[in-house]
Amino acid sequence: MRVHIATDHAGMELSSHLITALSADGYEMVDHGPKVYDAEDDYPGFCINAAAAVVADQAAGVDALGIVLGGSGNGEQIAANKVEGVRAALVWNLSTAKLAREHNDANVVAVGGRQHDVEEATGLIKAFLAEPFSNADRHVRRINKISIYETVGEIAE
């Protein structure tokens, strides 16, 4: 599986760790930056690029997910969710990490690097990446309704 990753300055240490750890687990890691620490960096571009790459890969039939990191993960999740076709979920425990995939077919995970130690954050992300979507009819229906609103601006019945 290809995994696109992006961060801001607050998540750089975690991002570096994840690139190494997840590569060792067999994931194909694609780093969307930043490449150097800058406390004044602007995370939206990095996160939007990673999210867009996930959507492009999935549209091309490539098995791909994304990771966006920051101090809280909130802004990074918001930025990623601006990309059409992205369902980014902010996770904070194993249950939210697994349910994001199982129920929501989230394709990008957001984690706050200042909210978890490296070991805990790594566990959350690994759980997210490993969890399959259930394909349950009710979840598919709900995701389709979100997609309809996203593309045509109408709430489906």
C-alpha atoms as a PDB file:
ATOM      1  CA  MET A   1       0.000   0.000   0.000  1.00  0.00           C
ATOM      2  CA  ARG A   2       1.166   3.504  -0.825  1.00  0.00           C
ATOM      3  CA  VAL A   3       0.891   6.001   2.034  1.00  0.00           C
ATOM      4  CA  HIS A   4       1.097   9.744   1.456  1.00  0.00           C
ATOM      5  CA  ILE A   5       2.258  11.706   4.497  1.00  0.00           C
ATOM      6  CA  ALA A   6       2.414  15.427   5.267  1.00  0.00           C
ATOM      7  CA  THR A   7       2.911  17.478   8.387  1.00  0.00           C
ATOM      8  CA  ASP A   8       3.624  20.877   9.798  1.00  0.00           C
ATOM      9  CA  HIS A   9       6.603  21.788  11.969  1.00  0.00           C
ATOM     10  CA  ALA A  10       4.966  20.280  15.083  1.00  0.00           C
ATOM     11  CA  GLY A  11       4.724  16.833  13.507  1.00  0.00           C
ATOM     12  CA  MET A  12       8.109  16.589  11.800  1.00  0.00           C
ATOM     13  CA  GLU A  13       9.682  14.272  14.371  1.00  0.00           C
ATOM     14  CA  LEU A  14       6.652  11.980  14.289  1.00  0.00           C
ATOM     15  CA  SER A  15       6.568  12.089  10.480  1.00  0.00           C
ATOM     16  CA  SER A  16      10.215  11.066  10.251  1.00  0.00           C
ATOM     17  CA  HIS A  17       9.613   8.205  12.682  1.00  0.00           C
ATOM     18  CA  LEU A  18       6.537   7.031  10.766  1.00  0.00           C
ATOM     19  CA  ILE A  19       8.292   7.098   7.409  1.00  0.00           C
ATOM     20  CA  THR A  20      10.982   4.796   8.805  1.00  0.00           C
ATOM     21  CA  ALA A  21       8.653   2.516  10.800  1.00  0.00           C
ATOM     22  CA  LEU A  22       5.982   2.153   8.124  1.00  0.00           C
ATOM     23  CA  SER A  23       8.565   1.614   5.368  1.00  0.00           C
ATOM     24  CA  ALA A  24       9.977  -1.222   7.486  1.00  0.00           C
ATOM     25  CA  ASP A  25       6.435  -2.665   7.636  1.00  0.00           C
ATOM     26  CA  GLY A  26       6.294  -2.720   3.826  1.00  0.00           C
ATOM     27  CA  TYR A  27       4.344   0.473   3.136  1.00  0.00           C
ATOM     28  CA  GLU A  28       5.470   2.633   0.220  1.00  0.00           C
ATOM     29  CA  MET A  29       5.848   6.029   1.901  1.00  0.00           C
ATOM     30  CA  VAL A  30       5.561   9.282  -0.071  1.00  0.00           C
ATOM     31  CA  ASP A  31       6.624  12.373   1.882  1.00  0.00           C
ATOM     32  CA  HIS A  32       4.839  15.583   0.907  1.00  0.00           C
ATOM     33  CA  GLY A  33       6.818  17.704   3.325  1.00  0.00           C
ATOM     34  CA  PRO A  34       7.964  19.888   4.716  1.00  0.00           C
ATOM     35  CA  LYS A  35      11.584  18.938   4.156  1.00  0.00           C
ATOM     36  CA  VAL A  36      13.093  21.344   6.709  1.00  0.00           C
ATOM     37  CA  TYR A  37      11.884  22.598  10.069  1.00  0.00           C
ATOM     38  CA  ASP A  38      10.293  26.034   9.992  1.00  0.00           C
ATOM     39  CA  ALA A  39       8.182  27.090  12.981  1.00  0.00           C
ATOM     40  CA  GLU A  40       6.355  29.529  10.678  1.00  0.00           C
ATOM     41  CA  ASP A  41       5.487  27.012   7.963  1.00  0.00           C
ATOM     42  CA  ASP A  42       2.005  26.851   6.472  1.00  0.00           C
ATOM     43  CA  TYR A  43       0.696  23.285   6.614  1.00  0.00           C
ATOM     44  CA  PRO A  44      -2.286  23.573   4.205  1.00  0.00           C
ATOM     45  CA  GLY A  45      -0.236  23.104   1.044  1.00  0.00           C
ATOM     46  CA  PHE A  46       1.579  20.041   2.366  1.00  0.00           C
ATOM     47  CA  CYS A  47      -1.644  18.419   3.577  1.00  0.00           C
ATOM     48  CA  ILE A  48      -3.659  19.289   0.479  1.00  0.00           C
ATOM     49  CA  ASN A  49      -0.915  17.844  -1.745  1.00  0.00           C
ATOM     50  CA  ALA A  50      -0.889  14.588   0.245  1.00  0.00           C
ATOM     51  CA  ALA A  51      -4.693  14.354   0.196  1.00  0.00           C
ATOM     52  CA  ALA A  52      -4.857  15.061  -3.546  1.00  0.00           C
ATOM     53  CA  ALA A  53      -2.258  12.359  -4.161  1.00  0.00           C
ATOM     54  CA  VAL A  54      -4.377   9.844  -2.236  1.00  0.00           C
ATOM     55  CA  VAL A  55      -7.430  10.663  -4.364  1.00  0.00           C
ATOM     56  CA  ALA A  56      -5.405  10.486  -7.591  1.00  0.00           C
ATOM     57  CA  ASP A  57      -3.883   7.136  -6.628  1.00  0.00           C
ATOM     58  CA  GLN A  58      -7.231   5.669  -5.639  1.00  0.00           C
ATOM     59  CA  ALA A  59      -8.791   6.877  -8.906  1.00  0.00           C
ATOM     60  CA  ALA A  60      -5.949   5.111 -10.763  1.00  0.00           C
ATOM     61  CA  GLY A  61      -6.618   1.871  -8.875  1.00  0.00           C
ATOM     62  CA  VAL A  62      -3.619   2.203  -6.551  1.00  0.00           C
ATOM     63  CA  ASP A  63      -4.175   1.017  -2.970  1.00  0.00           C
ATOM     64  CA  ALA A  64      -3.388   4.262  -1.121  1.00  0.00           C
ATOM     65  CA  LEU A  65      -4.164   6.108   2.103  1.00  0.00           C
ATOM     66  CA  GLY A  66      -2.856   9.294   3.686  1.00  0.00           C
ATOM     67  CA  ILE A  67      -1.538  10.648   6.966  1.00  0.00           C
ATOM     68  CA  VAL A  68      -1.564  14.313   7.989  1.00  0.00           C
ATOM     69  CA  LEU A  69       0.108  15.453  11.193  1.00  0.00           C
ATOM     70  CA  GLY A  70       0.282  18.633  13.216  1.00  0.00           C
ATOM     71  CA  GLY A  71       0.248  19.818  16.786  1.00  0.00           C
ATOM     72  CA  SER A  72      -3.415  18.984  17.248  1.00  0.00           C
ATOM     73  CA  GLY A  73      -4.185  17.501  13.834  1.00  0.00           C
ATOM     74  CA  ASN A  74      -7.266  19.705  13.529  1.00  0.00           C
ATOM     75  CA  GLY A  75      -6.058  22.167  10.913  1.00  0.00           C
ATOM     76  CA  GLU A  76      -4.396  19.428   8.931  1.00  0.00           C
ATOM     77  CA  GLN A  77      -7.635  17.421   8.880  1.00  0.00           C
ATOM     78  CA  ILE A  78      -9.593  20.483   7.773  1.00  0.00           C
ATOM     79  CA  ALA A  79      -7.115  21.183   4.957  1.00  0.00           C
ATOM     80  CA  ALA A  80      -7.168  17.575   3.743  1.00  0.00           C
ATOM     81  CA  ASN A  81     -10.966  17.511   3.786  1.00  0.00           C
ATOM     82  CA  LYS A  82     -11.081  20.393   1.294  1.00  0.00           C
ATOM     83  CA  VAL A  83      -9.890  17.991  -1.407  1.00  0.00           C
ATOM     84  CA  GLU A  84     -12.844  16.439  -3.226  1.00  0.00           C
ATOM     85  CA  GLY A  85     -12.997  12.738  -2.486  1.00  0.00           C
ATOM     86  CA  VAL A  86     -11.114  12.912   0.800  1.00  0.00           C
ATOM     87  CA  ARG A  87     -12.611  11.675   4.018  1.00  0.00           C
ATOM     88  CA  ALA A  88     -10.027  12.688   6.624  1.00  0.00           C
ATOM     89  CA  ALA A  89     -10.618  11.617  10.212  1.00  0.00           C
ATOM     90  CA  LEU A  90      -8.958  13.034  13.315  1.00  0.00           C
ATOM     91  CA  VAL A  91      -8.222  10.060  15.545  1.00  0.00           C
ATOM     92  CA  TRP A  92      -7.293  10.077  19.210  1.00  0.00           C
ATOM     93  CA  ASN A  93      -7.673   6.454  20.345  1.00  0.00           C
ATOM     94  CA  LEU A  94      -7.709   2.972  18.826  1.00  0.00           C
ATOM     95  CA  SER A  95     -11.485   2.931  18.538  1.00  0.00           C
ATOM     96  CA  THR A  96     -11.663   6.154  16.525  1.00  0.00           C
ATOM     97  CA  ALA A  97      -8.781   4.977  14.327  1.00  0.00           C
ATOM     98  CA  LYS A  98     -10.462   1.683  13.479  1.00  0.00           C
ATOM     99  CA  LEU A  99     -13.988   3.091  13.130  1.00  0.00           C
ATOM    100  CA  ALA A 100     -12.752   5.800  10.755  1.00  0.00           C
ATOM    101  CA  ARG A 101     -11.855   3.042   8.302  1.00  0.00           C
ATOM    102  CA  GLU A 102     -14.496   0.437   9.170  1.00  0.00           C
ATOM    103  CA  HIS A 103     -17.547   2.745   9.137  1.00  0.00           C
ATOM    104  CA  ASN A 104     -16.465   5.843   7.216  1.00  0.00           C
ATOM    105  CA  ASP A 105     -13.955   4.457   4.723  1.00  0.00           C
ATOM    106  CA  ALA A 106     -11.718   7.379   5.706  1.00  0.00           C
ATOM    107  CA  ASN A 107      -8.801   7.626   3.315  1.00  0.00           C
ATOM    108  CA  VAL A 108      -6.696  10.098   5.321  1.00  0.00           C
ATOM    109  CA  VAL A 109      -5.911   9.948   9.028  1.00  0.00           C
ATOM    110  CA  ALA A 110      -5.067  13.055  11.052  1.00  0.00           C
ATOM    111  CA  VAL A 111      -3.131  12.831  14.306  1.00  0.00           C
ATOM    112  CA  GLY A 112      -1.955  15.506  16.700  1.00  0.00           C
ATOM    113  CA  GLY A 113       1.743  15.067  17.337  1.00  0.00           C
ATOM    114  CA  ARG A 114       1.518  17.084  20.555  1.00  0.00           C
ATOM    115  CA  GLN A 115      -1.410  15.005  21.789  1.00  0.00           C
ATOM    116  CA  HIS A 116       0.265  11.575  21.767  1.00  0.00           C
ATOM    117  CA  ASP A 117       3.721  10.185  22.349  1.00  0.00           C
ATOM    118  CA  VAL A 118       5.429   8.593  19.349  1.00  0.00           C
ATOM    119  CA  GLU A 119       4.527   5.039  20.365  1.00  0.00           C
ATOM    120  CA  GLU A 120       0.841   5.817  20.852  1.00  0.00           C
ATOM    121  CA  ALA A 121       0.586   7.832  17.631  1.00  0.00           C
ATOM    122  CA  THR A 122       2.295   5.039  15.700  1.00  0.00           C
ATOM    123  CA  GLY A 123      -0.194   2.532  17.114  1.00  0.00           C
ATOM    124  CA  LEU A 124      -3.143   4.709  16.084  1.00  0.00           C
ATOM    125  CA  ILE A 125      -1.857   5.091  12.550  1.00  0.00           C
ATOM    126  CA  LYS A 126      -1.003   1.415  12.149  1.00  0.00           C
ATOM    127  CA  ALA A 127      -4.510   0.508  13.352  1.00  0.00           C
ATOM    128  CA  PHE A 128      -6.022   2.931  10.831  1.00  0.00           C
ATOM    129  CA  LEU A 129      -3.932   1.588   7.950  1.00  0.00           C
ATOM    130  CA  ALA A 130      -4.694  -2.054   8.796  1.00  0.00           C
ATOM    131  CA  GLU A 131      -8.465  -1.721   9.270  1.00  0.00           C
ATOM    132  CA  PRO A 132     -10.579  -2.528   6.213  1.00  0.00           C
ATOM    133  CA  PHE A 133     -13.804  -0.772   5.277  1.00  0.00           C
ATOM    134  CA  SER A 134     -16.772  -2.948   6.235  1.00  0.00           C
ATOM    135  CA  ASN A 135     -18.695  -2.319   2.985  1.00  0.00           C
ATOM    136  CA  ALA A 136     -21.867  -2.565   5.067  1.00  0.00           C
ATOM    137  CA  ASP A 137     -24.839  -1.221   3.109  1.00  0.00           C
ATOM    138  CA  ARG A 138     -25.650   1.477   5.671  1.00  0.00           C
ATOM    139  CA  HIS A 139     -22.108   2.824   5.611  1.00  0.00           C
ATOM    140  CA  VAL A 140     -21.905   2.777   1.824  1.00  0.00           C
ATOM    141  CA  ARG A 141     -25.227   4.623   1.657  1.00  0.00           C
ATOM    142  CA  ARG A 142     -24.071   7.295   4.089  1.00  0.00           C
ATOM    143  CA  ILE A 143     -20.740   7.820   2.342  1.00  0.00           C
ATOM    144  CA  ASN A 144     -22.552   8.133  -0.982  1.00  0.00           C
ATOM    145  CA  LYS A 145     -24.771  10.850   0.500  1.00  0.00           C
ATOM    146  CA  ILE A 146     -21.690  12.775   1.604  1.00  0.00           C
ATOM    147  CA  SER A 147     -20.181  12.396  -1.877  1.00  0.00           C
ATOM    148  CA  ILE A 148     -23.363  13.656  -3.530  1.00  0.00           C
ATOM    149  CA  TYR A 149     -23.364  16.754  -1.357  1.00  0.00           C
ATOM    150  CA  GLU A 150     -19.659  17.276  -1.985  1.00  0.00           C
ATOM    151  CA  THR A 151     -20.048  17.143  -5.759  1.00  0.00           C
ATOM    152  CA  VAL A 152     -23.475  18.691  -6.433  1.00  0.00           C
ATOM    153  CA  GLY A 153     -24.348  20.514  -3.220  1.00  0.00           C
ATOM    154  CA  GLU A 154     -27.576  18.629  -2.605  1.00  0.00           C
ATOM    155  CA  ILE A 155     -28.548  16.569   0.412  1.00  0.00           C
ATOM    156  CA  ALA A 156     -29.756  13.162  -0.785  1.00  0.00           C
ATOM    157  CA  GLU A 157     -32.782  11.557   0.823  1.00  0.00           C
END
